[in-house]
N, C-alpha and C. Protein backbone atom coordinates (compact mmCIF):
# COMPACT_ATOMS: atom_id res chain seq x y z
N ASP A 1 -7.03 -1.16 -13.58
CA ASP A 1 -6.72 -2.21 -14.65
C ASP A 1 -8.23 -3.09 -14.55
N GLU A 2 -8.80 -3.09 -15.73
CA GLU A 2 -9.99 -3.93 -15.84
C GLU A 2 -10.09 -5.57 -15.50
N ARG A 3 -9.02 -5.90 -15.33
CA ARG A 3 -8.53 -7.45 -15.37
C ARG A 3 -8.41 -7.75 -13.90
N ALA A 4 -8.59 -6.53 -12.72
CA ALA A 4 -8.27 -6.65 -11.45
C ALA A 4 -9.50 -7.43 -11.13
N GLY A 5 -10.82 -7.18 -11.45
CA GLY A 5 -12.03 -7.70 -11.04
C GLY A 5 -12.91 -6.88 -10.50
N GLY A 6 -13.60 -7.20 -9.37
CA GLY A 6 -14.35 -6.29 -8.77
C GLY A 6 -14.00 -5.52 -7.60
N MET A 7 -14.85 -5.16 -6.64
CA MET A 7 -14.71 -4.34 -5.61
C MET A 7 -14.04 -5.38 -4.35
N GLN A 8 -14.06 -6.84 -4.46
CA GLN A 8 -13.48 -7.45 -3.39
C GLN A 8 -13.28 -8.79 -3.90
N ALA A 9 -12.02 -9.11 -3.54
CA ALA A 9 -12.07 -10.80 -3.78
C ALA A 9 -12.49 -11.73 -2.71
N ALA A 10 -12.61 -12.96 -3.28
CA ALA A 10 -13.43 -14.11 -2.46
C ALA A 10 -12.16 -14.96 -2.33
N CYS A 11 -11.90 -15.44 -0.85
CA CYS A 11 -10.87 -16.47 -0.58
C CYS A 11 -11.66 -17.76 -0.08
N PRO A 12 -11.02 -18.71 -0.39
CA PRO A 12 -12.06 -20.11 -0.26
C PRO A 12 -11.23 -20.67 1.09
N GLN A 13 -12.16 -21.65 1.56
CA GLN A 13 -12.09 -21.88 3.08
C GLN A 13 -10.57 -22.19 3.01
N ALA A 14 -9.80 -23.00 1.90
CA ALA A 14 -8.51 -23.40 2.04
C ALA A 14 -7.64 -22.65 2.23
N VAL A 15 -7.87 -21.37 1.75
CA VAL A 15 -6.65 -20.31 2.14
C VAL A 15 -6.84 -19.81 3.82
N PHE A 16 -8.03 -19.78 4.41
CA PHE A 16 -8.45 -19.64 5.73
C PHE A 16 -7.55 -20.80 6.74
N THR A 17 -7.86 -21.92 6.34
CA THR A 17 -7.20 -23.10 6.94
C THR A 17 -5.60 -23.12 6.76
N ALA A 18 -5.09 -22.80 5.56
CA ALA A 18 -3.83 -22.90 5.60
C ALA A 18 -3.31 -21.47 6.25
N LEU A 19 -3.56 -20.46 6.51
CA LEU A 19 -3.00 -19.26 7.26
C LEU A 19 -3.29 -19.71 8.55
N GLY A 20 -4.37 -20.40 9.15
CA GLY A 20 -4.67 -20.34 10.52
C GLY A 20 -5.68 -19.16 10.99
N VAL A 21 -6.28 -18.72 9.93
CA VAL A 21 -7.28 -17.58 10.20
C VAL A 21 -8.27 -17.79 11.43
N GLN A 22 -7.97 -16.52 12.11
CA GLN A 22 -8.92 -16.84 13.47
C GLN A 22 -10.05 -15.61 13.25
N SER A 23 -9.68 -14.34 12.36
CA SER A 23 -11.13 -13.57 12.58
C SER A 23 -10.66 -12.99 10.88
N GLU A 24 -12.00 -12.32 10.61
CA GLU A 24 -11.85 -11.46 9.23
C GLU A 24 -12.01 -9.87 9.84
N ALA A 25 -11.09 -9.38 8.87
CA ALA A 25 -11.40 -8.05 9.35
C ALA A 25 -12.39 -7.32 8.23
N PHE A 26 -12.70 -7.92 7.18
CA PHE A 26 -13.77 -7.18 6.47
C PHE A 26 -14.99 -8.25 5.88
N ALA A 27 -15.75 -8.12 6.72
CA ALA A 27 -16.77 -9.23 6.33
C ALA A 27 -18.23 -9.12 6.62
N SER A 28 -19.14 -10.10 6.31
CA SER A 28 -20.64 -9.79 6.88
C SER A 28 -21.22 -11.08 7.42
N PRO A 29 -22.19 -11.28 7.83
CA PRO A 29 -22.83 -12.55 8.25
C PRO A 29 -23.11 -13.25 7.11
N PHE A 30 -23.25 -12.81 5.65
CA PHE A 30 -23.62 -13.30 4.36
C PHE A 30 -22.27 -14.01 3.94
N ASN A 31 -21.08 -13.51 3.97
CA ASN A 31 -19.77 -13.86 3.26
C ASN A 31 -18.69 -14.50 4.65
N ALA A 32 -18.97 -14.71 5.94
CA ALA A 32 -18.03 -14.63 6.69
C ALA A 32 -17.84 -16.27 6.76
N ILE A 33 -16.32 -16.67 6.84
CA ILE A 33 -16.04 -17.99 6.91
C ILE A 33 -15.59 -18.48 8.33
N SER A 34 -14.98 -17.30 9.08
CA SER A 34 -14.69 -17.26 10.38
C SER A 34 -15.60 -17.26 11.17
N PRO A 35 -15.83 -17.78 12.59
CA PRO A 35 -16.77 -17.50 13.32
C PRO A 35 -16.42 -15.95 13.71
N SER A 36 -15.46 -15.62 14.01
CA SER A 36 -15.23 -14.27 14.46
C SER A 36 -14.90 -13.39 13.09
N PHE A 37 -15.65 -12.08 13.02
CA PHE A 37 -15.65 -11.36 11.85
C PHE A 37 -15.74 -10.03 12.37
N CYS A 38 -15.15 -9.11 11.67
CA CYS A 38 -15.50 -7.39 11.73
C CYS A 38 -16.31 -6.94 10.52
N SER A 39 -17.16 -6.06 10.59
CA SER A 39 -18.24 -5.84 9.67
C SER A 39 -18.66 -4.37 9.75
N ALA A 40 -18.91 -3.73 8.84
CA ALA A 40 -19.23 -2.23 8.56
C ALA A 40 -20.55 -1.84 9.44
N SER A 41 -21.42 -3.03 9.38
CA SER A 41 -22.53 -2.67 10.44
C SER A 41 -22.57 -3.61 11.86
N ALA A 42 -22.03 -3.00 12.55
CA ALA A 42 -21.67 -3.87 13.88
C ALA A 42 -23.16 -3.72 14.43
N ASP A 43 -23.66 -2.77 14.47
CA ASP A 43 -24.87 -2.55 15.19
C ASP A 43 -26.00 -3.81 14.71
N VAL A 44 -25.99 -3.93 13.42
CA VAL A 44 -27.05 -4.47 12.71
C VAL A 44 -26.28 -6.04 12.98
N ASP A 45 -25.03 -6.26 12.45
CA ASP A 45 -24.46 -7.51 12.52
C ASP A 45 -23.98 -8.39 13.71
N ALA A 46 -24.09 -7.52 14.94
CA ALA A 46 -23.66 -8.31 16.31
C ALA A 46 -24.30 -9.57 16.86
N PRO A 47 -25.62 -9.52 16.41
CA PRO A 47 -26.33 -10.81 16.78
C PRO A 47 -25.96 -11.83 16.02
N PHE A 48 -25.00 -12.02 14.56
CA PHE A 48 -24.50 -12.87 13.91
C PHE A 48 -23.69 -13.08 13.80
N GLY A 49 -22.92 -12.43 15.03
CA GLY A 49 -21.30 -12.80 15.44
C GLY A 49 -20.34 -11.71 15.26
N SER A 50 -20.92 -10.54 14.55
CA SER A 50 -19.73 -9.36 14.37
C SER A 50 -19.03 -8.87 15.79
N CYS A 51 -17.95 -8.85 15.46
CA CYS A 51 -17.02 -8.21 16.56
C CYS A 51 -17.06 -6.35 16.48
N GLY A 52 -17.58 -6.13 15.29
CA GLY A 52 -17.62 -4.54 15.17
C GLY A 52 -16.91 -4.15 14.36
N SER A 53 -16.35 -3.03 13.98
CA SER A 53 -15.39 -2.41 13.02
C SER A 53 -13.95 -2.93 13.34
N PHE A 54 -13.16 -3.40 12.08
CA PHE A 54 -11.92 -3.39 12.14
C PHE A 54 -11.51 -2.47 12.79
N PHE A 55 -11.67 -1.02 12.54
CA PHE A 55 -10.84 0.07 12.89
C PHE A 55 -10.90 0.42 14.50
N ALA A 56 -11.82 -0.36 15.10
CA ALA A 56 -11.71 -0.43 16.44
C ALA A 56 -11.25 -1.69 17.04
N LEU A 57 -11.05 -2.63 16.44
CA LEU A 57 -10.76 -4.07 16.78
C LEU A 57 -9.34 -3.85 17.46
N GLU A 58 -9.27 -4.74 18.94
CA GLU A 58 -8.36 -4.80 19.51
C GLU A 58 -7.81 -6.24 19.87
N PRO A 59 -7.43 -6.70 18.88
CA PRO A 59 -7.09 -8.36 18.70
C PRO A 59 -6.39 -8.80 19.75
N PRO A 60 -6.60 -10.15 20.30
CA PRO A 60 -5.91 -10.69 21.34
C PRO A 60 -4.50 -11.05 20.64
N ALA A 61 -3.48 -11.19 22.16
CA ALA A 61 -2.22 -11.44 21.62
C ALA A 61 -2.15 -12.94 20.60
N GLY A 62 -1.24 -13.08 19.66
CA GLY A 62 -1.41 -14.33 18.82
C GLY A 62 -2.18 -14.22 17.75
N ALA A 63 -2.91 -13.17 17.44
CA ALA A 63 -4.19 -13.28 16.48
C ALA A 63 -3.75 -13.48 15.33
N VAL A 64 -4.64 -14.28 14.15
CA VAL A 64 -4.15 -14.20 12.82
C VAL A 64 -5.57 -13.64 12.00
N LEU A 65 -5.30 -12.64 11.52
CA LEU A 65 -6.28 -12.21 10.60
C LEU A 65 -6.25 -11.96 9.42
N LEU A 66 -7.25 -12.28 8.66
CA LEU A 66 -7.39 -12.06 7.11
C LEU A 66 -7.92 -10.54 6.65
N ALA A 67 -7.14 -9.75 5.88
CA ALA A 67 -8.02 -8.74 5.77
C ALA A 67 -8.43 -8.52 4.37
N ASN A 68 -9.21 -8.47 3.77
CA ASN A 68 -10.02 -8.41 2.38
C ASN A 68 -10.73 -7.42 2.38
N PRO A 69 -10.38 -6.14 2.20
CA PRO A 69 -10.95 -5.06 2.43
C PRO A 69 -11.87 -5.11 1.09
N PRO A 70 -12.89 -3.89 0.81
CA PRO A 70 -13.55 -3.39 -0.44
C PRO A 70 -12.19 -2.71 -1.13
N PHE A 71 -12.25 -2.88 -2.25
CA PHE A 71 -10.93 -2.22 -2.95
C PHE A 71 -11.19 -0.74 -3.35
N ASP A 72 -11.40 0.18 -2.46
CA ASP A 72 -11.60 1.35 -2.60
C ASP A 72 -10.10 2.09 -1.92
N GLY A 73 -9.68 2.94 -2.53
CA GLY A 73 -8.52 3.54 -2.13
C GLY A 73 -8.37 4.10 -0.71
N ALA A 74 -9.75 4.65 -0.17
CA ALA A 74 -9.71 5.40 1.05
C ALA A 74 -9.68 4.25 2.08
N THR A 75 -10.66 3.21 1.88
CA THR A 75 -10.34 2.41 2.81
C THR A 75 -9.10 1.03 3.18
N VAL A 76 -8.82 1.25 1.80
CA VAL A 76 -7.29 0.13 2.02
C VAL A 76 -6.23 1.28 2.39
N LEU A 77 -5.92 2.46 2.28
CA LEU A 77 -5.04 3.18 3.10
C LEU A 77 -5.21 3.44 4.67
N ALA A 78 -6.81 3.21 4.88
CA ALA A 78 -7.00 3.45 6.43
C ALA A 78 -6.81 2.18 6.94
N MET A 79 -6.81 1.04 6.41
CA MET A 79 -6.84 -0.42 6.63
C MET A 79 -5.12 -0.45 7.01
N ALA A 80 -4.45 0.03 6.01
CA ALA A 80 -2.94 -0.15 5.99
C ALA A 80 -2.58 0.57 7.53
N ARG A 81 -3.07 1.62 7.80
CA ARG A 81 -2.50 2.24 8.96
C ARG A 81 -3.06 1.87 10.26
N ARG A 82 -3.96 1.39 10.20
CA ARG A 82 -4.74 0.51 11.25
C ARG A 82 -3.86 -0.78 11.52
N ILE A 83 -3.11 -1.51 10.36
CA ILE A 83 -2.41 -2.60 10.89
C ILE A 83 -1.25 -2.23 11.33
N ASP A 84 -0.72 -1.15 10.60
CA ASP A 84 0.75 -0.64 11.37
C ASP A 84 0.17 -0.53 12.89
N GLU A 85 -0.74 0.37 13.12
CA GLU A 85 -1.06 0.57 14.69
C GLU A 85 -1.22 -0.67 15.32
N LEU A 86 -1.76 -1.66 15.02
CA LEU A 86 -2.06 -2.87 15.47
C LEU A 86 -0.67 -3.69 15.82
N CYS A 87 0.12 -3.62 14.92
CA CYS A 87 1.80 -4.36 14.75
C CYS A 87 2.42 -3.72 15.96
N ASP A 88 2.35 -2.26 15.91
CA ASP A 88 3.18 -1.65 17.07
C ASP A 88 2.62 -2.07 18.32
N ALA A 89 1.22 -1.72 18.40
CA ALA A 89 1.01 -2.60 19.66
C ALA A 89 1.03 -3.68 20.25
N ALA A 90 0.98 -4.71 19.21
CA ALA A 90 1.65 -6.09 19.47
C ALA A 90 3.27 -6.30 19.76
N ASP A 91 3.88 -5.45 19.18
CA ASP A 91 5.21 -5.37 19.59
C ASP A 91 5.82 -4.89 20.65
N ALA A 92 4.95 -3.24 21.06
CA ALA A 92 5.27 -2.83 22.37
C ALA A 92 4.94 -4.17 23.45
N ALA A 93 3.71 -4.85 23.61
CA ALA A 93 3.46 -5.69 24.18
C ALA A 93 4.16 -6.88 24.63
N ASP A 94 4.92 -7.09 23.59
CA ASP A 94 5.82 -8.51 23.32
C ASP A 94 7.10 -7.77 24.11
N ALA A 95 7.66 -6.55 23.89
CA ALA A 95 8.77 -5.84 24.23
C ALA A 95 8.56 -5.84 25.99
N ALA A 96 7.14 -5.42 26.65
CA ALA A 96 7.20 -5.19 27.69
C ALA A 96 7.07 -6.47 28.30
N LEU A 97 6.68 -7.62 27.74
CA LEU A 97 6.59 -8.76 28.50
C LEU A 97 8.03 -9.05 28.71
N ALA A 98 8.81 -9.13 27.61
CA ALA A 98 10.26 -9.63 27.58
C ALA A 98 11.20 -8.81 28.28
N SER A 99 11.02 -7.70 28.59
CA SER A 99 11.53 -6.97 29.78
C SER A 99 10.68 -6.97 31.24
N GLY A 100 10.04 -7.84 31.66
CA GLY A 100 9.35 -7.88 32.66
C GLY A 100 8.29 -6.80 33.14
N THR A 101 8.21 -5.66 32.12
CA THR A 101 7.26 -4.49 32.60
C THR A 101 5.91 -4.57 31.95
N ALA A 102 5.52 -5.71 31.59
CA ALA A 102 4.29 -5.85 31.22
C ALA A 102 3.26 -6.05 32.53
N ALA A 103 2.02 -5.65 32.28
CA ALA A 103 1.18 -5.84 33.33
C ALA A 103 0.71 -7.24 33.67
N GLU A 104 0.12 -7.38 34.74
CA GLU A 104 0.10 -8.91 34.87
C GLU A 104 -0.91 -9.49 34.16
N GLY A 105 -0.87 -10.52 33.71
CA GLY A 105 -1.87 -11.23 32.88
C GLY A 105 -1.46 -11.07 31.38
N GLY A 106 -0.38 -10.26 31.07
CA GLY A 106 0.19 -9.82 29.53
C GLY A 106 0.58 -10.98 29.25
N GLU A 107 -0.02 -10.97 27.88
CA GLU A 107 0.54 -12.18 26.95
C GLU A 107 1.01 -11.90 25.51
N ALA A 108 2.12 -12.66 25.36
CA ALA A 108 3.14 -12.38 24.07
C ALA A 108 2.21 -13.32 22.92
N GLY A 109 2.84 -12.95 21.70
CA GLY A 109 2.27 -13.65 20.67
C GLY A 109 2.13 -12.74 19.21
N GLY A 110 2.34 -11.58 19.70
CA GLY A 110 2.21 -10.77 18.13
C GLY A 110 1.11 -10.79 17.48
N LEU A 111 1.26 -10.54 16.36
CA LEU A 111 -0.23 -10.31 15.39
C LEU A 111 0.35 -10.89 14.20
N SER A 112 -0.49 -11.50 13.16
CA SER A 112 -0.45 -12.00 11.88
C SER A 112 -1.49 -11.32 11.43
N VAL A 113 -1.34 -10.56 10.10
CA VAL A 113 -2.50 -10.13 9.19
C VAL A 113 -1.74 -10.58 7.92
N ALA A 114 -2.89 -11.31 7.12
CA ALA A 114 -2.66 -11.63 5.61
C ALA A 114 -3.66 -10.64 4.98
N VAL A 115 -3.16 -9.80 3.98
CA VAL A 115 -3.95 -9.05 3.31
C VAL A 115 -4.22 -9.35 1.94
N VAL A 116 -5.25 -9.30 1.42
CA VAL A 116 -5.86 -9.40 -0.04
C VAL A 116 -6.25 -8.32 -0.67
N VAL A 117 -5.22 -7.73 -1.50
CA VAL A 117 -5.73 -6.36 -2.50
C VAL A 117 -5.28 -6.71 -3.85
N PRO A 118 -5.74 -6.28 -4.40
CA PRO A 118 -5.30 -5.96 -6.35
C PRO A 118 -3.89 -5.17 -6.13
N ARG A 119 -3.15 -5.54 -7.25
CA ARG A 119 -1.86 -4.66 -7.19
C ARG A 119 -2.22 -3.45 -8.07
N THR A 120 -2.00 -2.44 -7.10
CA THR A 120 -2.65 -1.23 -7.99
C THR A 120 -1.63 0.12 -7.36
N PRO A 121 -0.32 -0.13 -7.84
CA PRO A 121 0.60 0.72 -7.30
C PRO A 121 0.46 2.33 -7.48
N ALA A 122 -0.58 2.79 -8.28
CA ALA A 122 -1.10 4.17 -8.16
C ALA A 122 -1.52 4.54 -7.18
N GLU A 123 -2.13 3.93 -6.22
CA GLU A 123 -3.11 3.72 -5.23
C GLU A 123 -1.82 4.10 -3.83
N GLU A 124 -2.49 5.28 -3.07
CA GLU A 124 -1.63 5.49 -1.82
C GLU A 124 -1.67 4.16 -0.98
N GLY A 125 -2.68 3.67 -0.71
CA GLY A 125 -3.21 2.45 0.31
C GLY A 125 -2.01 1.30 -0.11
N TRP A 126 -1.86 1.23 -1.57
CA TRP A 126 -1.36 -0.06 -1.96
C TRP A 126 0.11 0.30 -1.46
N ARG A 127 0.61 1.37 -1.93
CA ARG A 127 2.00 1.77 -1.44
C ARG A 127 2.38 1.83 -0.05
N ALA A 128 1.08 2.30 0.92
CA ALA A 128 1.44 2.06 2.17
C ALA A 128 1.42 0.74 2.41
N LEU A 129 1.13 -0.19 2.17
CA LEU A 129 1.33 -1.86 2.33
C LEU A 129 2.36 -2.06 2.02
N LYS A 130 2.58 -1.78 0.66
CA LYS A 130 3.93 -2.15 0.33
C LYS A 130 5.38 -2.04 1.02
N GLY A 131 5.03 -0.69 1.40
CA GLY A 131 6.12 -0.05 1.96
C GLY A 131 6.13 -0.11 3.76
N SER A 132 5.18 -1.01 4.14
CA SER A 132 5.13 -1.32 5.52
C SER A 132 6.50 -1.97 5.97
N ARG A 133 6.78 -1.82 7.23
CA ARG A 133 8.02 -2.78 8.08
C ARG A 133 8.11 -4.03 7.29
N PRO A 134 9.00 -4.70 7.23
CA PRO A 134 9.25 -6.07 6.68
C PRO A 134 8.46 -6.91 7.86
N PRO A 135 8.02 -8.11 7.23
CA PRO A 135 7.11 -8.77 8.26
C PRO A 135 8.07 -9.63 9.50
N VAL A 136 9.04 -9.25 9.19
CA VAL A 136 9.95 -10.21 10.18
C VAL A 136 9.59 -9.86 11.44
N GLY A 137 9.54 -11.06 12.43
CA GLY A 137 9.05 -10.63 14.07
C GLY A 137 8.03 -9.83 14.21
N ARG A 138 6.98 -10.06 13.00
CA ARG A 138 5.72 -9.49 13.40
C ARG A 138 4.54 -10.67 13.03
């Protein structure tokens, strides 16, 4: 839909504050709002604070991320799959801690991810996000 806008949306500081965002999954030194951000060019962006690629990110327990990817289908689908992996890992860490089987120093806290993408039901990535597990307990 042409009314959906460009290839990425901008979120104002108020959104970051309201959600308690600690890190951005897709940013650059030029548009990052959070002091912690992931970027596509980690080798160049690291001196400016990049944590590297979102697809290699291992967020700390209790992390709150904002995922506002470029709106191409392959990136959105890969992001949806990575978010599911990260949520599964956070759930497993919480379960291990609750059962007493966590490694020493393990932390509970889960993971929160706010995703900003246009409504594109024909895209596989959008459907993957919509079909994710309910956010209860995540």
